[in-house]
Each structure stands twice: as C-alpha cells, then as structure tokens.
Amino acid sequence: MPLTPEVLKAQGEVVAWLGSLDVSFAADEEPWFTIDGVEGPRQIGSDGSGGAFVLLPSQNVLYVSSEGRAGIIAESFETFIQLVVARPYWLDILKCSAGGDLEEMRRAADALEAALDDQDDVNEAREEIRGALDLPEAGDPVGALYEAVAASDAIVRATDGSPFTTLFNRFSIDNNPMLRNAAA
C-alpha cells in the first residue's frame, strides 16, 4: 500500500516521531497563500517555523515558507517522508545551497549531519519511523531535493498576490562558522 497522509496519520507513534523531526500533520485553518492553477490547496502539515506542506494534485509535495519562499520538495508523499527522515535539516540545506548548487548542498548536508546536537535522538527517530512504515532508506535525498526544487514550476502567491521566490538561498556553509568548522 502506498504511503499517504491518511495511512501515516493512522500511526500515531510514527507521527510523534516525525514531530521530533519538526513535522506536524495539523494544517492551518486559514489559507495564507494561493497556488496558481490549484483550487483549495490540500495542506497536509506544517513545521515549527510556520511553513506549510501541501500535497498537490500531481502528488508532488510543495513547501511554502512563512518567509515568502516556496517550491516542490518531493515527487511524492513517500519521498517527502524519506527526505524528512534522512535529512531533517533539509530546509537548512536549501538555505546553504549557494543559489542552487548541488555540490554546495551536499557539503551543507554533511556539515549539518556532523553538527547534529541530538544525533542519538535523530538516529532513533529514523530507525523507528523506517521500521514502523517499512520505509526504504532514501538513495540520494539531497540529489532528489535538488531535482525537485530545480524543476519546481508551482507559482505560490501571498494573499496580496505577490509571488513567492525559490527555496534555493544564496548562502553557503562558508557563511556560518559552526557549519564551516563542521565541514572541515
């Protein structure tokens, strides 16, 4: 059976473990954005920074940040869960992507993994989620994230009609002394 939001929500313990990786499956009550060509977007969750996860009619997962950035982050709901489990700091990878450079994203992923404060807790959550969902490990989650964001054609707008920008940010790990040192 394919992994869907409904299948996942039926597994409360897994939802709790995902919460420890900063994913909540409670949707906002009031829409604060629109998506061109999509009537009534299906928000499936949110993160601690106020961003929203949306399951598009194409089954792609779109992320809309509270800072005016948006883009497709996964080709399916299962790929989205694989990404969150493998790289719970996926949004930081995008922030340190040097404008969408895959190699810079890989450097950021390595540095962020090395800098994890609660490595044991994250690894336990990863094992619990994969085991409970019989979820295969993602082969190349950073590459898949890059491909999804680079190919993203969803146009997200704020309530005033202004378009959101790409999820790729201009920073690199070299802009952050902690990450720069972790990568060394």
C-alpha atoms as a PDB file:
ATOM      1  CA  MET A   1       0.000   0.000   0.000  1.00  0.00           C
ATOM      2  CA  PRO A   2       1.439   3.404  -0.952  1.00  0.00           C
ATOM      3  CA  LEU A   3       2.241   5.784   1.868  1.00  0.00           C
ATOM      4  CA  THR A   4      -0.351   8.547   2.059  1.00  0.00           C
ATOM      5  CA  PRO A   5      -1.122  11.203   4.673  1.00  0.00           C
ATOM      6  CA  GLU A   6      -4.118   9.109   5.785  1.00  0.00           C
ATOM      7  CA  VAL A   7      -2.032   5.939   6.214  1.00  0.00           C
ATOM      8  CA  LEU A   8       0.568   7.902   8.151  1.00  0.00           C
ATOM      9  CA  LYS A   9      -1.928   9.660  10.440  1.00  0.00           C
ATOM     10  CA  ALA A  10      -3.288   6.253  11.477  1.00  0.00           C
ATOM     11  CA  GLN A  11       0.114   5.528  13.017  1.00  0.00           C
ATOM     12  CA  GLY A  12       0.193   7.913  15.960  1.00  0.00           C
ATOM     13  CA  GLU A  13       3.595   6.799  17.222  1.00  0.00           C
ATOM     14  CA  VAL A  14       5.197   7.492  13.850  1.00  0.00           C
ATOM     15  CA  VAL A  15       3.521  10.903  13.715  1.00  0.00           C
ATOM     16  CA  ALA A  16       5.015  11.643  17.146  1.00  0.00           C
ATOM     17  CA  TRP A  17       8.489  10.589  15.958  1.00  0.00           C
ATOM     18  CA  LEU A  18       8.125  12.833  12.904  1.00  0.00           C
ATOM     19  CA  GLY A  19       7.160  15.651  15.267  1.00  0.00           C
ATOM     20  CA  SER A  20      10.578  15.285  16.842  1.00  0.00           C
ATOM     21  CA  LEU A  21      11.945  15.942  13.333  1.00  0.00           C
ATOM     22  CA  ASP A  22       9.896  19.184  13.114  1.00  0.00           C
ATOM     23  CA  VAL A  23       6.958  17.967  11.024  1.00  0.00           C
ATOM     24  CA  SER A  24       3.399  18.349  12.260  1.00  0.00           C
ATOM     25  CA  PHE A  25       0.405  16.949  10.425  1.00  0.00           C
ATOM     26  CA  ALA A  26      -2.010  19.607  11.627  1.00  0.00           C
ATOM     27  CA  ALA A  27      -2.940  22.010   8.855  1.00  0.00           C
ATOM     28  CA  ASP A  28      -3.520  25.740   9.262  1.00  0.00           C
ATOM     29  CA  GLU A  29      -7.150  26.763   9.487  1.00  0.00           C
ATOM     30  CA  GLU A  30      -6.851  29.868   7.322  1.00  0.00           C
ATOM     31  CA  PRO A  31      -5.032  29.734   3.989  1.00  0.00           C
ATOM     32  CA  TRP A  32      -2.358  32.432   3.803  1.00  0.00           C
ATOM     33  CA  PHE A  33      -1.233  31.681   0.267  1.00  0.00           C
ATOM     34  CA  THR A  34      -2.611  30.590  -3.092  1.00  0.00           C
ATOM     35  CA  ILE A  35      -1.157  28.357  -5.778  1.00  0.00           C
ATOM     36  CA  ASP A  36      -1.780  29.294  -9.398  1.00  0.00           C
ATOM     37  CA  GLY A  37      -3.980  26.647 -11.034  1.00  0.00           C
ATOM     38  CA  VAL A  38      -4.820  24.841  -7.770  1.00  0.00           C
ATOM     39  CA  GLU A  39      -8.219  25.367  -6.196  1.00  0.00           C
ATOM     40  CA  GLY A  40      -8.272  24.770  -2.448  1.00  0.00           C
ATOM     41  CA  PRO A  41      -4.720  23.501  -1.896  1.00  0.00           C
ATOM     42  CA  ARG A  42      -4.545  20.450   0.374  1.00  0.00           C
ATOM     43  CA  GLN A  43      -2.282  21.420   3.238  1.00  0.00           C
ATOM     44  CA  ILE A  44      -1.108  18.225   4.925  1.00  0.00           C
ATOM     45  CA  GLY A  45       1.120  19.676   7.612  1.00  0.00           C
ATOM     46  CA  SER A  46       3.443  22.346   8.851  1.00  0.00           C
ATOM     47  CA  ASP A  47       6.787  22.878  10.514  1.00  0.00           C
ATOM     48  CA  GLY A  48       7.894  24.787  13.570  1.00  0.00           C
ATOM     49  CA  SER A  49       8.838  27.890  11.586  1.00  0.00           C
ATOM     50  CA  GLY A  50       5.309  28.386  10.251  1.00  0.00           C
ATOM     51  CA  GLY A  51       5.865  26.780   6.856  1.00  0.00           C
ATOM     52  CA  ALA A  52       3.221  24.614   5.200  1.00  0.00           C
ATOM     53  CA  PHE A  53       3.425  21.283   3.387  1.00  0.00           C
ATOM     54  CA  VAL A  54       0.920  20.913   0.543  1.00  0.00           C
ATOM     55  CA  LEU A  55       0.052  17.773  -1.413  1.00  0.00           C
ATOM     56  CA  LEU A  56      -0.566  18.923  -4.979  1.00  0.00           C
ATOM     57  CA  PRO A  57      -2.989  17.215  -7.393  1.00  0.00           C
ATOM     58  CA  SER A  58       0.124  15.830  -9.180  1.00  0.00           C
ATOM     59  CA  GLN A  59       1.052  14.168  -5.819  1.00  0.00           C
ATOM     60  CA  ASN A  60       4.168  16.334  -5.549  1.00  0.00           C
ATOM     61  CA  VAL A  61       4.790  17.844  -2.120  1.00  0.00           C
ATOM     62  CA  LEU A  62       5.143  21.615  -2.073  1.00  0.00           C
ATOM     63  CA  TYR A  63       6.698  23.555   0.789  1.00  0.00           C
ATOM     64  CA  VAL A  64       5.581  27.132   1.435  1.00  0.00           C
ATOM     65  CA  SER A  65       7.735  29.037   3.935  1.00  0.00           C
ATOM     66  CA  SER A  66       6.475  31.804   6.151  1.00  0.00           C
ATOM     67  CA  GLU A  67       9.321  33.941   4.738  1.00  0.00           C
ATOM     68  CA  GLY A  68       7.976  34.128   1.180  1.00  0.00           C
ATOM     69  CA  ARG A  69       9.773  31.164  -0.385  1.00  0.00           C
ATOM     70  CA  ALA A  70       8.132  28.135  -1.955  1.00  0.00           C
ATOM     71  CA  GLY A  71       8.852  25.128  -4.128  1.00  0.00           C
ATOM     72  CA  ILE A  72       8.225  21.471  -4.732  1.00  0.00           C
ATOM     73  CA  ILE A  73      10.460  19.430  -2.419  1.00  0.00           C
ATOM     74  CA  ALA A  74       9.435  15.846  -3.251  1.00  0.00           C
ATOM     75  CA  GLU A  75       7.852  13.925  -6.112  1.00  0.00           C
ATOM     76  CA  SER A  76       5.506  12.044  -3.760  1.00  0.00           C
ATOM     77  CA  PHE A  77       4.380  11.868  -0.157  1.00  0.00           C
ATOM     78  CA  GLU A  78       6.594   8.829   0.462  1.00  0.00           C
ATOM     79  CA  THR A  79       9.625  10.629  -0.979  1.00  0.00           C
ATOM     80  CA  PHE A  80       8.808  13.580   1.295  1.00  0.00           C
ATOM     81  CA  ILE A  81       8.818  11.338   4.381  1.00  0.00           C
ATOM     82  CA  GLN A  82      12.068   9.716   3.219  1.00  0.00           C
ATOM     83  CA  LEU A  83      13.601  13.199   2.901  1.00  0.00           C
ATOM     84  CA  VAL A  84      12.469  14.303   6.361  1.00  0.00           C
ATOM     85  CA  VAL A  85      13.775  11.096   7.924  1.00  0.00           C
ATOM     86  CA  ALA A  86      17.113  11.108   6.090  1.00  0.00           C
ATOM     87  CA  ARG A  87      17.750  14.850   6.275  1.00  0.00           C
ATOM     88  CA  PRO A  88      15.528  16.508   8.920  1.00  0.00           C
ATOM     89  CA  TYR A  89      17.528  19.697   8.317  1.00  0.00           C
ATOM     90  CA  TRP A  90      16.538  19.722   4.613  1.00  0.00           C
ATOM     91  CA  LEU A  91      15.429  23.356   4.808  1.00  0.00           C
ATOM     92  CA  ASP A  92      18.872  24.375   6.097  1.00  0.00           C
ATOM     93  CA  ILE A  93      20.413  22.521   3.159  1.00  0.00           C
ATOM     94  CA  LEU A  94      18.383  24.751   0.854  1.00  0.00           C
ATOM     95  CA  LYS A  95      19.342  27.864   2.832  1.00  0.00           C
ATOM     96  CA  CYS A  96      23.007  26.952   2.324  1.00  0.00           C
ATOM     97  CA  SER A  97      22.659  25.971  -1.335  1.00  0.00           C
ATOM     98  CA  ALA A  98      24.628  28.932  -2.761  1.00  0.00           C
ATOM     99  CA  GLY A  99      21.761  29.693  -5.111  1.00  0.00           C
ATOM    100  CA  GLY A 100      21.004  26.077  -6.041  1.00  0.00           C
ATOM    101  CA  ASP A 101      24.424  24.446  -6.347  1.00  0.00           C
ATOM    102  CA  LEU A 102      24.098  20.673  -5.809  1.00  0.00           C
ATOM    103  CA  GLU A 103      27.673  20.211  -4.597  1.00  0.00           C
ATOM    104  CA  GLU A 104      27.213  23.044  -2.094  1.00  0.00           C
ATOM    105  CA  MET A 105      24.014  21.349  -0.902  1.00  0.00           C
ATOM    106  CA  ARG A 106      25.922  18.090  -0.380  1.00  0.00           C
ATOM    107  CA  ARG A 107      28.589  19.968   1.618  1.00  0.00           C
ATOM    108  CA  ALA A 108      25.847  21.553   3.719  1.00  0.00           C
ATOM    109  CA  ALA A 109      24.188  18.170   4.331  1.00  0.00           C
ATOM    110  CA  ASP A 110      27.482  16.660   5.517  1.00  0.00           C
ATOM    111  CA  ALA A 111      28.194  19.627   7.801  1.00  0.00           C
ATOM    112  CA  LEU A 112      24.665  19.669   9.202  1.00  0.00           C
ATOM    113  CA  GLU A 113      24.770  15.933   9.870  1.00  0.00           C
ATOM    114  CA  ALA A 114      28.093  16.342  11.693  1.00  0.00           C
ATOM    115  CA  ALA A 115      26.694  19.246  13.727  1.00  0.00           C
ATOM    116  CA  LEU A 116      23.515  17.500  14.912  1.00  0.00           C
ATOM    117  CA  ASP A 117      23.101  18.194  18.635  1.00  0.00           C
ATOM    118  CA  ASP A 118      20.951  15.149  19.379  1.00  0.00           C
ATOM    119  CA  GLN A 119      22.460  12.619  16.969  1.00  0.00           C
ATOM    120  CA  ASP A 120      21.242   9.678  19.081  1.00  0.00           C
ATOM    121  CA  ASP A 121      17.674  11.015  19.229  1.00  0.00           C
ATOM    122  CA  VAL A 122      17.577  11.661  15.492  1.00  0.00           C
ATOM    123  CA  ASN A 123      19.007   8.240  14.677  1.00  0.00           C
ATOM    124  CA  GLU A 124      16.461   6.593  16.997  1.00  0.00           C
ATOM    125  CA  ALA A 125      13.641   8.518  15.304  1.00  0.00           C
ATOM    126  CA  ARG A 126      14.977   7.493  11.886  1.00  0.00           C
ATOM    127  CA  GLU A 127      15.045   3.804  12.852  1.00  0.00           C
ATOM    128  CA  GLU A 128      11.600   3.890  14.474  1.00  0.00           C
ATOM    129  CA  ILE A 129       9.960   5.625  11.515  1.00  0.00           C
ATOM    130  CA  ARG A 130      11.579   3.419   8.870  1.00  0.00           C
ATOM    131  CA  GLY A 131      10.715   0.272  10.817  1.00  0.00           C
ATOM    132  CA  ALA A 132       7.099   1.216  11.539  1.00  0.00           C
ATOM    133  CA  LEU A 133       6.401   2.289   7.958  1.00  0.00           C
ATOM    134  CA  ASP A 134       8.585  -0.344   6.267  1.00  0.00           C
ATOM    135  CA  LEU A 135      10.127   2.686   4.584  1.00  0.00           C
ATOM    136  CA  PRO A 136      13.216   2.128   2.461  1.00  0.00           C
ATOM    137  CA  GLU A 137      16.145   4.422   3.048  1.00  0.00           C
ATOM    138  CA  ALA A 138      16.375   7.251   0.524  1.00  0.00           C
ATOM    139  CA  GLY A 139      19.103   6.611  -2.035  1.00  0.00           C
ATOM    140  CA  ASP A 140      20.170  10.227  -2.608  1.00  0.00           C
ATOM    141  CA  PRO A 141      17.886  12.537  -0.633  1.00  0.00           C
ATOM    142  CA  VAL A 142      19.972  15.661  -1.342  1.00  0.00           C
ATOM    143  CA  GLY A 143      20.011  14.945  -5.075  1.00  0.00           C
ATOM    144  CA  ALA A 144      16.263  14.271  -5.073  1.00  0.00           C
ATOM    145  CA  LEU A 145      15.639  17.511  -3.154  1.00  0.00           C
ATOM    146  CA  TYR A 146      17.785  19.454  -5.606  1.00  0.00           C
ATOM    147  CA  GLU A 147      15.977  17.947  -8.610  1.00  0.00           C
ATOM    148  CA  ALA A 148      12.531  18.645  -7.131  1.00  0.00           C
ATOM    149  CA  VAL A 149      13.261  22.271  -6.257  1.00  0.00           C
ATOM    150  CA  ALA A 150      15.107  22.939  -9.535  1.00  0.00           C
ATOM    151  CA  ALA A 151      12.172  21.587 -11.562  1.00  0.00           C
ATOM    152  CA  SER A 152       9.521  23.244  -9.400  1.00  0.00           C
ATOM    153  CA  ASP A 153       7.013  25.076 -11.543  1.00  0.00           C
ATOM    154  CA  ALA A 154       4.401  25.843  -8.886  1.00  0.00           C
ATOM    155  CA  ILE A 155       3.653  29.542  -8.538  1.00  0.00           C
ATOM    156  CA  VAL A 156       2.724  30.388  -4.976  1.00  0.00           C
ATOM    157  CA  ARG A 157       1.363  33.800  -4.060  1.00  0.00           C
ATOM    158  CA  ALA A 158       0.838  35.694  -0.841  1.00  0.00           C
ATOM    159  CA  THR A 159      -2.675  36.960  -0.141  1.00  0.00           C
ATOM    160  CA  ASP A 160      -1.705  40.306  -1.702  1.00  0.00           C
ATOM    161  CA  GLY A 161      -0.860  38.499  -4.978  1.00  0.00           C
ATOM    162  CA  SER A 162       2.919  38.838  -4.798  1.00  0.00           C
ATOM    163  CA  PRO A 163       4.761  35.675  -5.881  1.00  0.00           C
ATOM    164  CA  PHE A 164       6.971  33.702  -3.545  1.00  0.00           C
ATOM    165  CA  THR A 165      10.623  33.145  -4.507  1.00  0.00           C
ATOM    166  CA  THR A 166      12.586  29.911  -4.882  1.00  0.00           C
ATOM    167  CA  LEU A 167      13.631  27.809  -1.895  1.00  0.00           C
ATOM    168  CA  PHE A 168      17.257  27.973  -3.019  1.00  0.00           C
ATOM    169  CA  ASN A 169      19.034  30.595  -0.955  1.00  0.00           C
ATOM    170  CA  ARG A 170      22.309  32.360  -1.680  1.00  0.00           C
ATOM    171  CA  PHE A 171      24.171  31.362   1.491  1.00  0.00           C
ATOM    172  CA  SER A 172      26.748  28.608   1.758  1.00  0.00           C
ATOM    173  CA  ILE A 173      28.141  26.822   4.787  1.00  0.00           C
ATOM    174  CA  ASP A 174      31.138  29.125   4.484  1.00  0.00           C
ATOM    175  CA  ASN A 175      28.863  31.933   5.768  1.00  0.00           C
ATOM    176  CA  ASN A 176      28.319  30.027   9.030  1.00  0.00           C
ATOM    177  CA  PRO A 177      31.393  29.450  11.242  1.00  0.00           C
ATOM    178  CA  MET A 178      29.819  26.471  13.024  1.00  0.00           C
ATOM    179  CA  LEU A 179      28.996  24.683   9.765  1.00  0.00           C
ATOM    180  CA  ARG A 180      32.256  25.725   8.126  1.00  0.00           C
ATOM    181  CA  ASN A 181      34.158  24.133  11.029  1.00  0.00           C
ATOM    182  CA  ALA A 182      31.965  21.002  10.974  1.00  0.00           C
ATOM    183  CA  ALA A 183      32.750  20.545   7.274  1.00  0.00           C
ATOM    184  CA  ALA A 184      36.499  20.924   7.799  1.00  0.00           C
END
